[in-house]
């Protein structure tokens, strides 16, 4: 069982995320390795927003392989290299996440292991 909360006394989320998600046992957990903005064929788009979209597709594909869905996401950590247009970024994220939203941490970093990659998403899900 999951309880999503945006409690009084903390800022109201400005995007598609919850301030907290409480998981009560018993729960089935799925932890994903960082998903890059690569397509299934191994290619990486030049556009960082397209990489973000591809990374989210990879998260969703992993969830489906475990018989889970986006609503099972509990925590995302999104690593971004460089500048991303905020409205385009939010549009991509909103396309994949649904209420109740998972907790999300977004971090701007200097780089990933290979300069072509501009996005990596870590995800935790539970049922």
C-alpha atoms as a PDB file:
ATOM      1  CA  UNK A   1       0.000   0.000   0.000  1.00  0.00           C
ATOM      2  CA  UNK A   2       1.279   3.475  -0.919  1.00  0.00           C
ATOM      3  CA  UNK A   3       0.179   6.786   0.556  1.00  0.00           C
ATOM      4  CA  UNK A   4       1.110   9.892  -1.459  1.00  0.00           C
ATOM      5  CA  UNK A   5       1.140  13.160   0.462  1.00  0.00           C
ATOM      6  CA  UNK A   6       1.763  16.849  -0.019  1.00  0.00           C
ATOM      7  CA  UNK A   7       1.397  17.830   3.631  1.00  0.00           C
ATOM      8  CA  UNK A   8       0.637  21.304   4.918  1.00  0.00           C
ATOM      9  CA  UNK A   9       3.700  23.239   6.006  1.00  0.00           C
ATOM     10  CA  UNK A  10       5.832  22.369   2.955  1.00  0.00           C
ATOM     11  CA  UNK A  11       5.763  23.991  -0.497  1.00  0.00           C
ATOM     12  CA  UNK A  12       3.114  22.832  -2.946  1.00  0.00           C
ATOM     13  CA  UNK A  13       4.790  20.871  -5.769  1.00  0.00           C
ATOM     14  CA  UNK A  14       5.334  22.978  -8.883  1.00  0.00           C
ATOM     15  CA  UNK A  15       5.403  19.990 -11.247  1.00  0.00           C
ATOM     16  CA  UNK A  16       4.476  16.307 -11.478  1.00  0.00           C
ATOM     17  CA  UNK A  17       5.751  15.005  -8.137  1.00  0.00           C
ATOM     18  CA  UNK A  18       4.663  14.298  -4.567  1.00  0.00           C
ATOM     19  CA  UNK A  19       6.480  15.578  -1.499  1.00  0.00           C
ATOM     20  CA  UNK A  20       6.342  12.114   0.055  1.00  0.00           C
ATOM     21  CA  UNK A  21       5.238   8.557  -0.569  1.00  0.00           C
ATOM     22  CA  UNK A  22       4.813   6.176   2.332  1.00  0.00           C
ATOM     23  CA  UNK A  23       5.059   2.487   1.490  1.00  0.00           C
ATOM     24  CA  UNK A  24       3.408   0.107   3.896  1.00  0.00           C
ATOM     25  CA  UNK A  25       4.317  -3.557   3.894  1.00  0.00           C
ATOM     26  CA  UNK A  26       3.864  -5.954   2.352  1.00  0.00           C
ATOM     27  CA  UNK A  27       5.164  -4.505  -0.877  1.00  0.00           C
ATOM     28  CA  UNK A  28       6.849  -5.838  -3.976  1.00  0.00           C
ATOM     29  CA  UNK A  29       9.806  -3.594  -4.871  1.00  0.00           C
ATOM     30  CA  UNK A  30      11.513  -2.964  -8.201  1.00  0.00           C
ATOM     31  CA  UNK A  31      14.733  -0.941  -8.359  1.00  0.00           C
ATOM     32  CA  UNK A  32      15.964   0.187 -11.776  1.00  0.00           C
ATOM     33  CA  UNK A  33      19.513   1.002 -12.757  1.00  0.00           C
ATOM     34  CA  UNK A  34      20.003   4.428 -14.266  1.00  0.00           C
ATOM     35  CA  UNK A  35      18.181   4.604 -17.597  1.00  0.00           C
ATOM     36  CA  UNK A  36      19.929   6.645 -20.268  1.00  0.00           C
ATOM     37  CA  UNK A  37      18.338   8.591 -23.093  1.00  0.00           C
ATOM     38  CA  UNK A  38      19.126   5.846 -25.592  1.00  0.00           C
ATOM     39  CA  UNK A  39      16.675   4.296 -27.969  1.00  0.00           C
ATOM     40  CA  UNK A  40      16.118   0.534 -28.155  1.00  0.00           C
ATOM     41  CA  UNK A  41      18.473   0.345 -31.162  1.00  0.00           C
ATOM     42  CA  UNK A  42      21.268   1.884 -29.054  1.00  0.00           C
ATOM     43  CA  UNK A  43      21.218   5.273 -30.770  1.00  0.00           C
ATOM     44  CA  UNK A  44      21.231   8.451 -28.700  1.00  0.00           C
ATOM     45  CA  UNK A  45      19.352  11.527 -29.943  1.00  0.00           C
ATOM     46  CA  UNK A  46      21.290  14.808 -30.052  1.00  0.00           C
ATOM     47  CA  UNK A  47      18.423  16.795 -28.503  1.00  0.00           C
ATOM     48  CA  UNK A  48      18.488  16.563 -24.684  1.00  0.00           C
ATOM     49  CA  UNK A  49      14.673  16.673 -24.527  1.00  0.00           C
ATOM     50  CA  UNK A  50      14.510  13.690 -26.889  1.00  0.00           C
ATOM     51  CA  UNK A  51      16.999  11.943 -24.610  1.00  0.00           C
ATOM     52  CA  UNK A  52      14.723  12.674 -21.642  1.00  0.00           C
ATOM     53  CA  UNK A  53      11.803  11.173 -23.565  1.00  0.00           C
ATOM     54  CA  UNK A  54      13.852   8.080 -24.462  1.00  0.00           C
ATOM     55  CA  UNK A  55      14.992   7.642 -20.846  1.00  0.00           C
ATOM     56  CA  UNK A  56      11.379   7.763 -19.639  1.00  0.00           C
ATOM     57  CA  UNK A  57      10.387   5.232 -22.315  1.00  0.00           C
ATOM     58  CA  UNK A  58      13.116   2.949 -20.951  1.00  0.00           C
ATOM     59  CA  UNK A  59      11.769   3.352 -17.406  1.00  0.00           C
ATOM     60  CA  UNK A  60       8.234   2.498 -18.552  1.00  0.00           C
ATOM     61  CA  UNK A  61       9.462  -0.483 -20.602  1.00  0.00           C
ATOM     62  CA  UNK A  62      11.298  -1.824 -17.544  1.00  0.00           C
ATOM     63  CA  UNK A  63       8.186  -1.383 -15.419  1.00  0.00           C
ATOM     64  CA  UNK A  64       6.023  -3.236 -17.936  1.00  0.00           C
ATOM     65  CA  UNK A  65       8.549  -6.093 -18.073  1.00  0.00           C
ATOM     66  CA  UNK A  66       7.948  -6.497 -14.326  1.00  0.00           C
ATOM     67  CA  UNK A  67       4.134  -6.227 -14.728  1.00  0.00           C
ATOM     68  CA  UNK A  68       4.169  -2.721 -13.244  1.00  0.00           C
ATOM     69  CA  UNK A  69       3.009   0.685 -14.465  1.00  0.00           C
ATOM     70  CA  UNK A  70       3.942   4.347 -14.037  1.00  0.00           C
ATOM     71  CA  UNK A  71       1.540   4.596 -11.100  1.00  0.00           C
ATOM     72  CA  UNK A  72       3.770   2.081  -9.256  1.00  0.00           C
ATOM     73  CA  UNK A  73       6.712   4.506  -9.290  1.00  0.00           C
ATOM     74  CA  UNK A  74       7.670   5.708  -5.824  1.00  0.00           C
ATOM     75  CA  UNK A  75      10.939   7.612  -6.384  1.00  0.00           C
ATOM     76  CA  UNK A  76      12.752   9.042  -9.396  1.00  0.00           C
ATOM     77  CA  UNK A  77      16.137  10.702  -9.465  1.00  0.00           C
ATOM     78  CA  UNK A  78      16.685  12.528 -12.732  1.00  0.00           C
ATOM     79  CA  UNK A  79      20.217  13.610 -13.636  1.00  0.00           C
ATOM     80  CA  UNK A  80      20.473  16.310 -16.313  1.00  0.00           C
ATOM     81  CA  UNK A  81      23.621  17.599 -18.016  1.00  0.00           C
ATOM     82  CA  UNK A  82      23.389  21.169 -19.308  1.00  0.00           C
ATOM     83  CA  UNK A  83      20.398  23.406 -19.728  1.00  0.00           C
ATOM     84  CA  UNK A  84      16.933  22.046 -20.499  1.00  0.00           C
ATOM     85  CA  UNK A  85      13.970  24.167 -21.544  1.00  0.00           C
ATOM     86  CA  UNK A  86      11.779  23.999 -18.445  1.00  0.00           C
ATOM     87  CA  UNK A  87       8.433  23.878 -20.276  1.00  0.00           C
ATOM     88  CA  UNK A  88       9.561  21.150 -22.681  1.00  0.00           C
ATOM     89  CA  UNK A  89      11.110  19.208 -19.796  1.00  0.00           C
ATOM     90  CA  UNK A  90       7.900  19.397 -17.751  1.00  0.00           C
ATOM     91  CA  UNK A  91       5.828  18.369 -20.775  1.00  0.00           C
ATOM     92  CA  UNK A  92       7.892  15.202 -21.245  1.00  0.00           C
ATOM     93  CA  UNK A  93       7.767  14.315 -17.556  1.00  0.00           C
ATOM     94  CA  UNK A  94       4.004  14.922 -17.392  1.00  0.00           C
ATOM     95  CA  UNK A  95       3.532  12.667 -20.427  1.00  0.00           C
ATOM     96  CA  UNK A  96       4.861   9.684 -18.461  1.00  0.00           C
ATOM     97  CA  UNK A  97       3.866  10.332 -14.857  1.00  0.00           C
ATOM     98  CA  UNK A  98       0.338  10.103 -13.531  1.00  0.00           C
ATOM     99  CA  UNK A  99      -1.326  10.921 -10.268  1.00  0.00           C
ATOM    100  CA  UNK A 100      -0.616  10.058  -7.613  1.00  0.00           C
ATOM    101  CA  UNK A 101       2.870  11.269  -8.506  1.00  0.00           C
ATOM    102  CA  UNK A 102       6.090   9.690  -7.250  1.00  0.00           C
ATOM    103  CA  UNK A 103       8.705  11.628  -5.336  1.00  0.00           C
ATOM    104  CA  UNK A 104      11.152  13.230  -7.767  1.00  0.00           C
ATOM    105  CA  UNK A 105      14.632  14.649  -7.309  1.00  0.00           C
ATOM    106  CA  UNK A 106      16.132  16.467 -10.290  1.00  0.00           C
ATOM    107  CA  UNK A 107      19.860  17.161 -10.292  1.00  0.00           C
ATOM    108  CA  UNK A 108      21.877  19.222 -12.751  1.00  0.00           C
ATOM    109  CA  UNK A 109      25.331  17.681 -13.070  1.00  0.00           C
ATOM    110  CA  UNK A 110      28.572  18.416 -14.940  1.00  0.00           C
ATOM    111  CA  UNK A 111      28.459  15.221 -16.934  1.00  0.00           C
ATOM    112  CA  UNK A 112      27.808  11.502 -17.226  1.00  0.00           C
ATOM    113  CA  UNK A 113      30.249   8.743 -18.168  1.00  0.00           C
ATOM    114  CA  UNK A 114      30.059   9.655 -21.882  1.00  0.00           C
ATOM    115  CA  UNK A 115      29.639  13.209 -23.169  1.00  0.00           C
ATOM    116  CA  UNK A 116      26.894  12.170 -25.620  1.00  0.00           C
ATOM    117  CA  UNK A 117      24.557  11.348 -22.701  1.00  0.00           C
ATOM    118  CA  UNK A 118      22.625  14.263 -21.177  1.00  0.00           C
ATOM    119  CA  UNK A 119      20.041  12.328 -19.116  1.00  0.00           C
ATOM    120  CA  UNK A 120      19.970   9.438 -16.667  1.00  0.00           C
ATOM    121  CA  UNK A 121      16.957   8.386 -14.576  1.00  0.00           C
ATOM    122  CA  UNK A 122      17.033   6.110 -11.542  1.00  0.00           C
ATOM    123  CA  UNK A 123      13.695   4.691 -10.454  1.00  0.00           C
ATOM    124  CA  UNK A 124      12.120   2.790  -7.575  1.00  0.00           C
ATOM    125  CA  UNK A 125       8.681   1.241  -7.882  1.00  0.00           C
ATOM    126  CA  UNK A 126       6.489  -0.898  -5.641  1.00  0.00           C
ATOM    127  CA  UNK A 127       3.150  -2.661  -5.642  1.00  0.00           C
END
